[in-house]
PDB file of N, CA and C in Angstrom:
ATOM      1  N   UNK A   1       0.621  -1.151   0.171  1.00  0.00           N
ATOM      2  CA  UNK A   1      -0.164  -0.155  -0.155  1.00  0.00           C
ATOM      3  C   UNK A   1       0.997   1.181   0.110  1.00  0.00           C
ATOM      4  N   UNK A   2       0.527   2.119  -0.765  1.00  0.00           N
ATOM      5  CA  UNK A   2       1.474   3.310  -0.799  1.00  0.00           C
ATOM      6  C   UNK A   2       1.131   4.281   0.494  1.00  0.00           C
ATOM      7  N   UNK A   3       2.224   5.012   0.949  1.00  0.00           N
ATOM      8  CA  UNK A   3       1.963   5.725   2.075  1.00  0.00           C
ATOM      9  C   UNK A   3       2.798   6.905   1.608  1.00  0.00           C
ATOM     10  N   UNK A   4       2.579   7.751   2.555  1.00  0.00           N
ATOM     11  CA  UNK A   4       3.386   9.357   2.660  1.00  0.00           C
ATOM     12  C   UNK A   4       4.806   9.275   2.108  1.00  0.00           C
ATOM     13  N   UNK A   5       5.398   9.788   1.007  1.00  0.00           N
ATOM     14  CA  UNK A   5       6.597   9.970   0.658  1.00  0.00           C
ATOM     15  C   UNK A   5       7.191   8.837  -0.419  1.00  0.00           C
ATOM     16  N   UNK A   6       5.938   7.840  -0.561  1.00  0.00           N
ATOM     17  CA  UNK A   6       6.345   6.589  -1.455  1.00  0.00           C
ATOM     18  C   UNK A   6       6.212   7.246  -2.928  1.00  0.00           C
ATOM     19  N   UNK A   7       7.129   6.491  -3.698  1.00  0.00           N
ATOM     20  CA  UNK A   7       7.042   6.560  -5.100  1.00  0.00           C
ATOM     21  C   UNK A   7       6.415   5.789  -5.697  1.00  0.00           C
ATOM     22  N   UNK A   8       5.466   6.022  -6.763  1.00  0.00           N
ATOM     23  CA  UNK A   8       4.276   5.275  -7.410  1.00  0.00           C
ATOM     24  C   UNK A   8       4.417   5.462  -8.784  1.00  0.00           C
ATOM     25  N   UNK A   9       4.346   4.475  -9.745  1.00  0.00           N
ATOM     26  CA  UNK A   9       3.932   4.527 -10.721  1.00  0.00           C
ATOM     27  C   UNK A   9       2.423   4.439 -11.211  1.00  0.00           C
ATOM     28  N   UNK A  10       2.230   5.332 -11.930  1.00  0.00           N
ATOM     29  CA  UNK A  10       0.738   5.454 -12.565  1.00  0.00           C
ATOM     30  C   UNK A  10       0.516   4.917 -13.849  1.00  0.00           C
ATOM     31  N   UNK A  11      -0.224   3.705 -13.920  1.00  0.00           N
ATOM     32  CA  UNK A  11      -0.356   3.290 -15.197  1.00  0.00           C
ATOM     33  C   UNK A  11      -1.747   3.827 -15.858  1.00  0.00           C
ATOM     34  N   UNK A  12      -1.561   4.204 -17.169  1.00  0.00           N
ATOM     35  CA  UNK A  12      -2.674   4.919 -17.737  1.00  0.00           C
ATOM     36  C   UNK A  12      -2.964   3.884 -18.999  1.00  0.00           C
ATOM     37  N   UNK A  13      -4.388   3.627 -19.119  1.00  0.00           N
ATOM     38  CA  UNK A  13      -4.705   2.669 -20.264  1.00  0.00           C
ATOM     39  C   UNK A  13      -3.666   1.374 -20.271  1.00  0.00           C
ATOM     40  N   UNK A  14      -3.517   0.714 -19.000  1.00  0.00           N
ATOM     41  CA  UNK A  14      -2.914  -0.420 -18.985  1.00  0.00           C
ATOM     42  C   UNK A  14      -1.304  -0.270 -19.072  1.00  0.00           C
ATOM     43  N   UNK A  15      -0.752   0.853 -19.404  1.00  0.00           N
ATOM     44  CA  UNK A  15       0.556   1.164 -19.597  1.00  0.00           C
ATOM     45  C   UNK A  15       1.090   1.969 -18.750  1.00  0.00           C
ATOM     46  N   UNK A  16       2.432   1.768 -18.481  1.00  0.00           N
ATOM     47  CA  UNK A  16       3.108   2.743 -17.482  1.00  0.00           C
ATOM     48  C   UNK A  16       3.079   4.233 -17.973  1.00  0.00           C
ATOM     49  N   UNK A  17       2.767   5.104 -17.201  1.00  0.00           N
ATOM     50  CA  UNK A  17       2.266   6.374 -17.690  1.00  0.00           C
ATOM     51  C   UNK A  17       3.333   7.698 -17.248  1.00  0.00           C
ATOM     52  N   UNK A  18       3.478   7.497 -15.859  1.00  0.00           N
ATOM     53  CA  UNK A  18       4.055   8.651 -14.990  1.00  0.00           C
ATOM     54  C   UNK A  18       4.512   8.372 -13.895  1.00  0.00           C
ATOM     55  N   UNK A  19       5.643   8.826 -13.062  1.00  0.00           N
ATOM     56  CA  UNK A  19       5.841   8.596 -11.679  1.00  0.00           C
ATOM     57  C   UNK A  19       5.278   9.909 -10.799  1.00  0.00           C
ATOM     58  N   UNK A  20       4.862   9.660  -9.808  1.00  0.00           N
ATOM     59  CA  UNK A  20       4.485  10.728  -8.843  1.00  0.00           C
ATOM     60  C   UNK A  20       5.006  10.136  -7.479  1.00  0.00           C
ATOM     61  N   UNK A  21       5.185  11.284  -6.569  1.00  0.00           N
ATOM     62  CA  UNK A  21       5.360  10.858  -5.216  1.00  0.00           C
ATOM     63  C   UNK A  21       4.151  11.304  -4.095  1.00  0.00           C
ATOM     64  N   UNK A  22       3.810  10.545  -3.391  1.00  0.00           N
ATOM     65  CA  UNK A  22       2.639  10.597  -2.529  1.00  0.00           C
ATOM     66  C   UNK A  22       3.112  11.667  -1.509  1.00  0.00           C
ATOM     67  N   UNK A  23       2.495  12.742  -1.551  1.00  0.00           N
ATOM     68  CA  UNK A  23       2.596  13.920  -0.612  1.00  0.00           C
ATOM     69  C   UNK A  23       1.954  13.926   0.596  1.00  0.00           C
ATOM     70  N   UNK A  24       0.750  13.445   0.696  1.00  0.00           N
ATOM     71  CA  UNK A  24      -0.308  13.834   1.543  1.00  0.00           C
ATOM     72  C   UNK A  24      -1.449  12.545   1.503  1.00  0.00           C
ATOM     73  N   UNK A  25      -2.090  12.135   2.410  1.00  0.00           N
ATOM     74  CA  UNK A  25      -3.058  11.351   2.397  1.00  0.00           C
ATOM     75  C   UNK A  25      -3.915  11.458   3.467  1.00  0.00           C
ATOM     76  N   UNK A  26      -5.267  12.025   3.144  1.00  0.00           N
ATOM     77  CA  UNK A  26      -5.991  12.666   4.052  1.00  0.00           C
ATOM     78  C   UNK A  26      -7.633  12.207   4.077  1.00  0.00           C
ATOM     79  N   UNK A  27      -8.530  11.743   5.287  1.00  0.00           N
ATOM     80  CA  UNK A  27      -9.594  11.187   4.939  1.00  0.00           C
ATOM     81  C   UNK A  27     -10.201  12.289   4.252  1.00  0.00           C
ATOM     82  N   UNK A  28     -11.171  11.600   3.179  1.00  0.00           N
ATOM     83  CA  UNK A  28     -12.247  12.703   2.433  1.00  0.00           C
ATOM     84  C   UNK A  28     -13.447  12.521   3.298  1.00  0.00           C
ATOM     85  N   UNK A  29     -14.199  13.416   2.705  1.00  0.00           N
ATOM     86  CA  UNK A  29     -15.758  13.611   3.509  1.00  0.00           C
ATOM     87  C   UNK A  29     -16.677  11.992   3.557  1.00  0.00           C
ATOM     88  N   UNK A  30     -16.438  11.361   2.483  1.00  0.00           N
ATOM     89  CA  UNK A  30     -16.950  10.054   2.346  1.00  0.00           C
ATOM     90  C   UNK A  30     -16.262   9.040   3.083  1.00  0.00           C
ATOM     91  N   UNK A  31     -16.728   8.146   4.022  1.00  0.00           N
ATOM     92  CA  UNK A  31     -16.454   7.388   5.011  1.00  0.00           C
ATOM     93  C   UNK A  31     -15.667   6.355   3.822  1.00  0.00           C
ATOM     94  N   UNK A  32     -14.259   5.728   4.206  1.00  0.00           N
ATOM     95  CA  UNK A  32     -13.556   4.953   3.415  1.00  0.00           C
ATOM     96  C   UNK A  32     -12.992   5.268   2.275  1.00  0.00           C
ATOM     97  N   UNK A  33     -12.995   6.675   2.039  1.00  0.00           N
ATOM     98  CA  UNK A  33     -12.133   7.074   0.869  1.00  0.00           C
ATOM     99  C   UNK A  33     -11.144   8.472   1.415  1.00  0.00           C
ATOM    100  N   UNK A  34     -10.108   8.534   0.550  1.00  0.00           N
ATOM    101  CA  UNK A  34      -9.024   9.269   1.194  1.00  0.00           C
ATOM    102  C   UNK A  34      -8.665  10.395  -0.060  1.00  0.00           C
ATOM    103  N   UNK A  35      -8.215  11.473   0.240  1.00  0.00           N
ATOM    104  CA  UNK A  35      -7.790  12.540  -0.615  1.00  0.00           C
ATOM    105  C   UNK A  35      -6.352  12.179  -0.780  1.00  0.00           C
ATOM    106  N   UNK A  36      -5.878  11.945  -1.894  1.00  0.00           N
ATOM    107  CA  UNK A  36      -4.156  11.699  -1.970  1.00  0.00           C
ATOM    108  C   UNK A  36      -3.657  12.589  -2.973  1.00  0.00           C
ATOM    109  N   UNK A  37      -2.576  13.402  -2.054  1.00  0.00           N
ATOM    110  CA  UNK A  37      -2.002  14.416  -3.061  1.00  0.00           C
ATOM    111  C   UNK A  37      -0.704  13.761  -3.592  1.00  0.00           C
ATOM    112  N   UNK A  38      -0.716  13.964  -4.832  1.00  0.00           N
ATOM    113  CA  UNK A  38       0.402  13.350  -5.522  1.00  0.00           C
ATOM    114  C   UNK A  38       1.247  14.553  -6.325  1.00  0.00           C
ATOM    115  N   UNK A  39       2.637  14.447  -5.978  1.00  0.00           N
ATOM    116  CA  UNK A  39       3.548  15.314  -6.864  1.00  0.00           C
ATOM    117  C   UNK A  39       3.922  14.514  -8.114  1.00  0.00           C
ATOM    118  N   UNK A  40       3.455  14.912  -9.011  1.00  0.00           N
ATOM    119  CA  UNK A  40       3.688  14.182 -10.520  1.00  0.00           C
ATOM    120  C   UNK A  40       4.976  14.646 -11.079  1.00  0.00           C
ATOM    121  N   UNK A  41       5.906  13.708 -11.198  1.00  0.00           N
ATOM    122  CA  UNK A  41       7.216  14.139 -11.631  1.00  0.00           C
ATOM    123  C   UNK A  41       7.324  14.165 -13.064  1.00  0.00           C
ATOM    124  N   UNK A  42       6.974  15.116 -13.568  1.00  0.00           N
ATOM    125  CA  UNK A  42       6.600  15.563 -14.945  1.00  0.00           C
ATOM    126  C   UNK A  42       7.374  16.959 -15.163  1.00  0.00           C
ATOM    127  N   UNK A  43       7.821  17.290 -16.429  1.00  0.00           N
ATOM    128  CA  UNK A  43       7.959  18.930 -16.599  1.00  0.00           C
ATOM    129  C   UNK A  43       7.070  19.643 -17.302  1.00  0.00           C
ATOM    130  N   UNK A  44       6.628  20.698 -16.531  1.00  0.00           N
ATOM    131  CA  UNK A  44       6.771  21.102 -15.072  1.00  0.00           C
ATOM    132  C   UNK A  44       6.100  20.218 -14.256  1.00  0.00           C
ATOM    133  N   UNK A  45       6.688  19.870 -13.028  1.00  0.00           N
ATOM    134  CA  UNK A  45       6.070  19.287 -12.057  1.00  0.00           C
ATOM    135  C   UNK A  45       4.710  19.767 -11.789  1.00  0.00           C
ATOM    136  N   UNK A  46       3.666  18.859 -11.402  1.00  0.00           N
ATOM    137  CA  UNK A  46       2.313  19.156 -11.255  1.00  0.00           C
ATOM    138  C   UNK A  46       2.072  18.506  -9.977  1.00  0.00           C
ATOM    139  N   UNK A  47       0.864  19.075  -9.181  1.00  0.00           N
ATOM    140  CA  UNK A  47       0.493  18.369  -8.135  1.00  0.00           C
ATOM    141  C   UNK A  47      -1.446  17.957  -8.217  1.00  0.00           C
ATOM    142  N   UNK A  48      -1.430  16.689  -8.361  1.00  0.00           N
ATOM    143  CA  UNK A  48      -2.726  16.240  -8.501  1.00  0.00           C
ATOM    144  C   UNK A  48      -3.359  15.895  -6.972  1.00  0.00           C
ATOM    145  N   UNK A  49      -4.714  15.980  -6.765  1.00  0.00           N
ATOM    146  CA  UNK A  49      -5.089  15.316  -5.664  1.00  0.00           C
ATOM    147  C   UNK A  49      -6.580  14.395  -5.985  1.00  0.00           C
ATOM    148  N   UNK A  50      -6.375  13.247  -5.789  1.00  0.00           N
ATOM    149  CA  UNK A  50      -7.315  12.296  -6.272  1.00  0.00           C
ATOM    150  C   UNK A  50      -7.897  11.846  -5.169  1.00  0.00           C
ATOM    151  N   UNK A  51      -9.202  11.309  -5.115  1.00  0.00           N
ATOM    152  CA  UNK A  51     -10.073  10.726  -4.086  1.00  0.00           C
ATOM    153  C   UNK A  51     -10.001   9.392  -4.480  1.00  0.00           C
ATOM    154  N   UNK A  52      -9.233   8.658  -3.716  1.00  0.00           N
ATOM    155  CA  UNK A  52      -9.260   6.884  -3.675  1.00  0.00           C
ATOM    156  C   UNK A  52      -9.600   6.055  -2.504  1.00  0.00           C
ATOM    157  N   UNK A  53     -10.024   5.190  -2.883  1.00  0.00           N
ATOM    158  CA  UNK A  53     -10.690   4.319  -1.672  1.00  0.00           C
ATOM    159  C   UNK A  53      -9.331   3.271  -1.215  1.00  0.00           C
ATOM    160  N   UNK A  54      -9.249   2.560  -0.061  1.00  0.00           N
ATOM    161  CA  UNK A  54      -8.317   1.779   0.200  1.00  0.00           C
ATOM    162  C   UNK A  54      -7.821   1.059  -0.910  1.00  0.00           C
ATOM    163  N   UNK A  55      -8.645   0.163  -1.685  1.00  0.00           N
ATOM    164  CA  UNK A  55      -8.129  -0.709  -2.605  1.00  0.00           C
ATOM    165  C   UNK A  55      -7.565  -0.132  -3.767  1.00  0.00           C
ATOM    166  N   UNK A  56      -7.639   1.206  -4.252  1.00  0.00           N
ATOM    167  CA  UNK A  56      -6.998   1.973  -5.117  1.00  0.00           C
ATOM    168  C   UNK A  56      -5.729   2.242  -4.854  1.00  0.00           C
ATOM    169  N   UNK A  57      -5.630   2.574  -3.321  1.00  0.00           N
ATOM    170  CA  UNK A  57      -4.382   3.075  -2.975  1.00  0.00           C
ATOM    171  C   UNK A  57      -3.457   1.817  -2.907  1.00  0.00           C
ATOM    172  N   UNK A  58      -4.054   0.585  -2.773  1.00  0.00           N
ATOM    173  CA  UNK A  58      -3.304  -0.804  -2.549  1.00  0.00           C
ATOM    174  C   UNK A  58      -2.916  -1.182  -4.001  1.00  0.00           C
ATOM    175  N   UNK A  59      -3.555  -0.553  -5.123  1.00  0.00           N
ATOM    176  CA  UNK A  59      -3.031  -1.001  -6.317  1.00  0.00           C
ATOM    177  C   UNK A  59      -4.228  -1.675  -7.457  1.00  0.00           C
ATOM    178  N   UNK A  60      -5.579  -1.413  -6.784  1.00  0.00           N
ATOM    179  CA  UNK A  60      -6.334  -1.822  -7.683  1.00  0.00           C
ATOM    180  C   UNK A  60      -6.731  -0.925  -8.792  1.00  0.00           C
ATOM    181  N   UNK A  61      -7.345  -1.684 -10.103  1.00  0.00           N
ATOM    182  CA  UNK A  61      -7.519  -0.794 -11.055  1.00  0.00           C
ATOM    183  C   UNK A  61      -8.617  -0.089 -10.685  1.00  0.00           C
ATOM    184  N   UNK A  62      -8.850   1.103 -11.378  1.00  0.00           N
ATOM    185  CA  UNK A  62      -9.915   2.297 -11.300  1.00  0.00           C
ATOM    186  C   UNK A  62     -10.068   3.097 -12.628  1.00  0.00           C
ATOM    187  N   UNK A  63     -11.092   3.898 -12.750  1.00  0.00           N
ATOM    188  CA  UNK A  63     -11.315   4.759 -14.026  1.00  0.00           C
ATOM    189  C   UNK A  63     -11.312   6.100 -13.529  1.00  0.00           C
ATOM    190  N   UNK A  64     -11.182   7.052 -14.397  1.00  0.00           N
ATOM    191  CA  UNK A  64     -11.350   8.399 -14.417  1.00  0.00           C
ATOM    192  C   UNK A  64     -11.667   8.897 -15.506  1.00  0.00           C
ATOM    193  N   UNK A  65     -13.060   9.429 -15.496  1.00  0.00           N
ATOM    194  CA  UNK A  65     -13.474  10.074 -17.001  1.00  0.00           C
ATOM    195  C   UNK A  65     -13.243   8.758 -18.135  1.00  0.00           C
ATOM    196  N   UNK A  66     -13.408   7.419 -17.659  1.00  0.00           N
ATOM    197  CA  UNK A  66     -13.361   6.427 -18.791  1.00  0.00           C
ATOM    198  C   UNK A  66     -11.952   5.818 -18.765  1.00  0.00           C
ATOM    199  N   UNK A  67     -11.135   6.293 -18.314  1.00  0.00           N
ATOM    200  CA  UNK A  67      -9.620   6.107 -18.762  1.00  0.00           C
ATOM    201  C   UNK A  67      -9.128   5.074 -17.673  1.00  0.00           C
ATOM    202  N   UNK A  68      -8.602   4.108 -17.777  1.00  0.00           N
ATOM    203  CA  UNK A  68      -7.994   3.170 -16.770  1.00  0.00           C
ATOM    204  C   UNK A  68      -6.901   3.502 -16.116  1.00  0.00           C
ATOM    205  N   UNK A  69      -7.023   3.321 -14.844  1.00  0.00           N
ATOM    206  CA  UNK A  69      -5.646   3.815 -14.214  1.00  0.00           C
ATOM    207  C   UNK A  69      -5.429   2.796 -13.061  1.00  0.00           C
ATOM    208  N   UNK A  70      -4.057   2.961 -12.542  1.00  0.00           N
ATOM    209  CA  UNK A  70      -3.503   1.981 -11.405  1.00  0.00           C
ATOM    210  C   UNK A  70      -2.292   2.595 -10.678  1.00  0.00           C
ATOM    211  N   UNK A  71      -2.204   2.673  -9.530  1.00  0.00           N
ATOM    212  CA  UNK A  71      -1.037   2.848  -8.895  1.00  0.00           C
ATOM    213  C   UNK A  71      -0.284   1.890  -8.625  1.00  0.00           C
ATOM    214  N   UNK A  72       1.130   1.768  -8.747  1.00  0.00           N
ATOM    215  CA  UNK A  72       2.071   0.872  -8.211  1.00  0.00           C
ATOM    216  C   UNK A  72       2.931   0.968  -7.325  1.00  0.00           C
ATOM    217  N   UNK A  73       3.440   0.618  -6.609  1.00  0.00           N
ATOM    218  CA  UNK A  73       4.506   0.820  -5.464  1.00  0.00           C
ATOM    219  C   UNK A  73       5.987   0.778  -6.320  1.00  0.00           C
ATOM    220  N   UNK A  74       6.753   1.774  -6.273  1.00  0.00           N
ATOM    221  CA  UNK A  74       7.998   1.705  -6.807  1.00  0.00           C
ATOM    222  C   UNK A  74       9.050   1.452  -5.976  1.00  0.00           C
ATOM    223  N   UNK A  75       9.825   0.231  -6.088  1.00  0.00           N
ATOM    224  CA  UNK A  75      10.886   0.294  -4.983  1.00  0.00           C
ATOM    225  C   UNK A  75      12.310   0.298  -5.726  1.00  0.00           C
ATOM    226  N   UNK A  76      13.136   1.173  -5.139  1.00  0.00           N
ATOM    227  CA  UNK A  76      14.396   1.642  -5.596  1.00  0.00           C
ATOM    228  C   UNK A  76      15.380   0.447  -5.711  1.00  0.00           C
ATOM    229  N   UNK A  77      16.327   0.309  -6.722  1.00  0.00           N
ATOM    230  CA  UNK A  77      17.142  -0.752  -6.433  1.00  0.00           C
ATOM    231  C   UNK A  77      18.165  -0.932  -5.505  1.00  0.00           C
ATOM    232  N   UNK A  78      18.510   0.172  -4.918  1.00  0.00           N
ATOM    233  CA  UNK A  78      19.303   0.019  -3.783  1.00  0.00           C
ATOM    234  C   UNK A  78      18.364  -0.479  -2.541  1.00  0.00           C
ATOM    235  N   UNK A  79      17.119  -0.330  -2.465  1.00  0.00           N
ATOM    236  CA  UNK A  79      16.247  -0.943  -1.400  1.00  0.00           C
ATOM    237  C   UNK A  79      16.149  -2.081  -1.871  1.00  0.00           C
ATOM    238  N   UNK A  80      15.744  -2.874  -2.994  1.00  0.00           N
ATOM    239  CA  UNK A  80      15.874  -4.198  -3.343  1.00  0.00           C
ATOM    240  C   UNK A  80      16.868  -4.994  -3.164  1.00  0.00           C
ATOM    241  N   UNK A  81      17.914  -4.445  -3.561  1.00  0.00           N
ATOM    242  CA  UNK A  81      19.377  -5.116  -2.957  1.00  0.00           C
ATOM    243  C   UNK A  81      19.381  -5.469  -1.461  1.00  0.00           C
ATOM    244  N   UNK A  82      18.977  -4.238  -0.744  1.00  0.00           N
ATOM    245  CA  UNK A  82      19.045  -4.629   0.667  1.00  0.00           C
ATOM    246  C   UNK A  82      18.062  -5.502   1.089  1.00  0.00           C
ATOM    247  N   UNK A  83      16.892  -5.711   0.674  1.00  0.00           N
ATOM    248  CA  UNK A  83      15.886  -6.597   0.978  1.00  0.00           C
ATOM    249  C   UNK A  83      16.134  -8.173   0.542  1.00  0.00           C
ATOM    250  N   UNK A  84      16.948  -8.226  -0.661  1.00  0.00           N
ATOM    251  CA  UNK A  84      17.541  -9.392  -0.882  1.00  0.00           C
ATOM    252  C   UNK A  84      18.532  -9.841  -0.200  1.00  0.00           C
ATOM    253  N   UNK A  85      19.420  -9.058   0.561  1.00  0.00           N
ATOM    254  CA  UNK A  85      20.782  -9.594   1.281  1.00  0.00           C
ATOM    255  C   UNK A  85      19.974  -9.857   2.622  1.00  0.00           C
ATOM    256  N   UNK A  86      18.969  -9.266   3.080  1.00  0.00           N
ATOM    257  CA  UNK A  86      18.438  -9.582   4.353  1.00  0.00           C
ATOM    258  C   UNK A  86      17.821 -10.952   4.187  1.00  0.00           C
ATOM    259  N   UNK A  87      17.070 -11.300   3.125  1.00  0.00           N
ATOM    260  CA  UNK A  87      16.323 -12.647   2.801  1.00  0.00           C
ATOM    261  C   UNK A  87      17.515 -13.499   2.769  1.00  0.00           C
ATOM    262  N   UNK A  88      18.519 -13.541   2.149  1.00  0.00           N
ATOM    263  CA  UNK A  88      19.893 -14.222   1.885  1.00  0.00           C
ATOM    264  C   UNK A  88      20.295 -14.769   3.331  1.00  0.00           C
ATOM    265  N   UNK A  89      20.619 -13.491   4.199  1.00  0.00           N
ATOM    266  CA  UNK A  89      21.166 -13.766   5.569  1.00  0.00           C
ATOM    267  C   UNK A  89      20.350 -14.756   6.514  1.00  0.00           C
ATOM    268  N   UNK A  90      18.775 -14.380   6.223  1.00  0.00           N
ATOM    269  CA  UNK A  90      17.781 -14.898   7.083  1.00  0.00           C
ATOM    270  C   UNK A  90      17.896 -16.487   6.782  1.00  0.00           C
ATOM    271  N   UNK A  91      17.938 -16.695   5.202  1.00  0.00           N
ATOM    272  CA  UNK A  91      17.956 -18.120   5.131  1.00  0.00           C
ATOM    273  C   UNK A  91      19.223 -18.871   5.513  1.00  0.00           C
ATOM    274  N   UNK A  92      20.365 -18.350   5.259  1.00  0.00           N
ATOM    275  CA  UNK A  92      21.453 -18.744   5.818  1.00  0.00           C
ATOM    276  C   UNK A  92      21.607 -19.290   7.156  1.00  0.00           C
ATOM    277  N   UNK A  93      21.130 -18.354   7.792  1.00  0.00           N
ATOM    278  CA  UNK A  93      21.124 -18.393   9.448  1.00  0.00           C
ATOM    279  C   UNK A  93      20.205 -19.584   9.612  1.00  0.00           C
ATOM    280  N   UNK A  94      19.105 -19.563   8.972  1.00  0.00           N
ATOM    281  CA  UNK A  94      17.866 -20.694   9.255  1.00  0.00           C
ATOM    282  C   UNK A  94      18.509 -21.915   8.868  1.00  0.00           C
ATOM    283  N   UNK A  95      19.315 -21.991   7.748  1.00  0.00           N
ATOM    284  CA  UNK A  95      20.106 -23.301   7.322  1.00  0.00           C
ATOM    285  C   UNK A  95      21.155 -23.861   8.322  1.00  0.00           C
ATOM    286  N   UNK A  96      22.026 -22.901   8.998  1.00  0.00           N
ATOM    287  CA  UNK A  96      22.873 -23.328   9.887  1.00  0.00           C
ATOM    288  C   UNK A  96      22.369 -23.679  11.070  1.00  0.00           C
ATOM    289  N   UNK A  97      21.077 -23.166  11.729  1.00  0.00           N
ATOM    290  CA  UNK A  97      20.592 -23.874  12.890  1.00  0.00           C
ATOM    291  C   UNK A  97      20.001 -25.348  12.471  1.00  0.00           C
ATOM    292  N   UNK A  98      19.470 -25.662  11.508  1.00  0.00           N
ATOM    293  CA  UNK A  98      18.877 -26.859  10.869  1.00  0.00           C
ATOM    294  C   UNK A  98      20.103 -27.832  10.976  1.00  0.00           C
ATOM    295  N   UNK A  99      21.108 -27.296  10.644  1.00  0.00           N
ATOM    296  CA  UNK A  99      22.295 -28.314  10.284  1.00  0.00           C
ATOM    297  C   UNK A  99      23.168 -28.248  11.580  1.00  0.00           C
ATOM    298  N   UNK A 100      22.703 -27.862  13.010  1.00  0.00           N
ATOM    299  CA  UNK A 100      23.329 -27.983  14.182  1.00  0.00           C
ATOM    300  C   UNK A 100      23.952 -27.111  14.682  1.00  0.00           C
ATOM    301  N   UNK A 101      24.198 -25.845  14.099  1.00  0.00           N
ATOM    302  CA  UNK A 101      25.019 -24.603  14.557  1.00  0.00           C
ATOM    303  C   UNK A 101      26.089 -24.298  13.770  1.00  0.00           C
ATOM    304  N   UNK A 102      26.857 -23.556  13.829  1.00  0.00           N
ATOM    305  CA  UNK A 102      27.749 -23.123  12.803  1.00  0.00           C
ATOM    306  C   UNK A 102      28.815 -23.939  12.477  1.00  0.00           C
ATOM    307  N   UNK A 103      29.146 -23.866  11.229  1.00  0.00           N
ATOM    308  CA  UNK A 103      30.094 -24.965  10.561  1.00  0.00           C
ATOM    309  C   UNK A 103      31.689 -24.788  11.584  1.00  0.00           C
ATOM    310  N   UNK A 104      32.172 -25.743  11.642  1.00  0.00           N
ATOM    311  CA  UNK A 104      33.599 -25.663  12.533  1.00  0.00           C
ATOM    312  C   UNK A 104      34.585 -25.529  11.524  1.00  0.00           C
ATOM    313  N   UNK A 105      35.663 -24.441  11.868  1.00  0.00           N
ATOM    314  CA  UNK A 105      36.659 -24.385  11.233  1.00  0.00           C
ATOM    315  C   UNK A 105      37.812 -24.771  11.794  1.00  0.00           C
ATOM    316  N   UNK A 106      38.742 -25.424  11.093  1.00  0.00           N
ATOM    317  CA  UNK A 106      40.097 -26.077  11.451  1.00  0.00           C
ATOM    318  C   UNK A 106      41.179 -25.283  10.871  1.00  0.00           C
ATOM    319  N   UNK A 107      42.048 -25.056  11.589  1.00  0.00           N
ATOM    320  CA  UNK A 107      43.116 -24.255  11.139  1.00  0.00           C
ATOM    321  C   UNK A 107      44.308 -25.383  10.820  1.00  0.00           C
ATOM    322  N   UNK A 108      44.644 -24.913   9.669  1.00  0.00           N
ATOM    323  CA  UNK A 108      45.979 -25.812   9.211  1.00  0.00           C
ATOM    324  C   UNK A 108      47.399 -25.215   9.839  1.00  0.00           C
ATOM    325  N   UNK A 109      47.310 -23.933  10.187  1.00  0.00           N
ATOM    326  CA  UNK A 109      48.611 -23.494  10.802  1.00  0.00           C
ATOM    327  C   UNK A 109      48.702 -23.921  12.185  1.00  0.00           C
ATOM    328  N   UNK A 110      47.937 -24.348  12.870  1.00  0.00           N
ATOM    329  CA  UNK A 110      47.921 -24.649  14.194  1.00  0.00           C
ATOM    330  C   UNK A 110      48.414 -26.048  14.673  1.00  0.00           C
ATOM    331  N   UNK A 111      48.574 -26.804  13.486  1.00  0.00           N
ATOM    332  CA  UNK A 111      49.197 -28.374  13.654  1.00  0.00           C
ATOM    333  C   UNK A 111      50.388 -28.526  14.098  1.00  0.00           C
ATOM    334  N   UNK A 112      50.311 -29.084  15.055  1.00  0.00           N
ATOM    335  CA  UNK A 112      51.875 -28.982  15.628  1.00  0.00           C
ATOM    336  C   UNK A 112      52.240 -30.815  15.708  1.00  0.00           C
ATOM    337  N   UNK A 113      53.650 -30.866  15.548  1.00  0.00           N
ATOM    338  CA  UNK A 113      54.011 -32.304  15.468  1.00  0.00           C
ATOM    339  C   UNK A 113      54.189 -32.455  17.040  1.00  0.00           C
ATOM    340  N   UNK A 114      53.661 -33.953  17.429  1.00  0.00           N
ATOM    341  CA  UNK A 114      53.755 -34.432  18.677  1.00  0.00           C
ATOM    342  C   UNK A 114      54.620 -35.533  18.870  1.00  0.00           C
TER     343      UNK A 114
END
């Protein structure tokens, strides 16, 4: 679900249309609806306020004046890399626990003749 300061990709006619940043989400006069202020990242930049429900903010399809639209959360490649590293580290730690602890390291330098 998009929240304040998230980047979103707005799909127009089922194709990527433009990027925007969510500036504000405030309750609308209608229960269950929200006024979503978007900073549209075009040249020149513009600010739109759309009245959306929870499902539309979460990425459900909707129309405005007959035009199909959809919001999609955008995750930066840096953030995606961090998420993947955390997932890998978690899976590795779980595998080590399942195998009975950390692997043993044997030093080849410490072997002494007896």
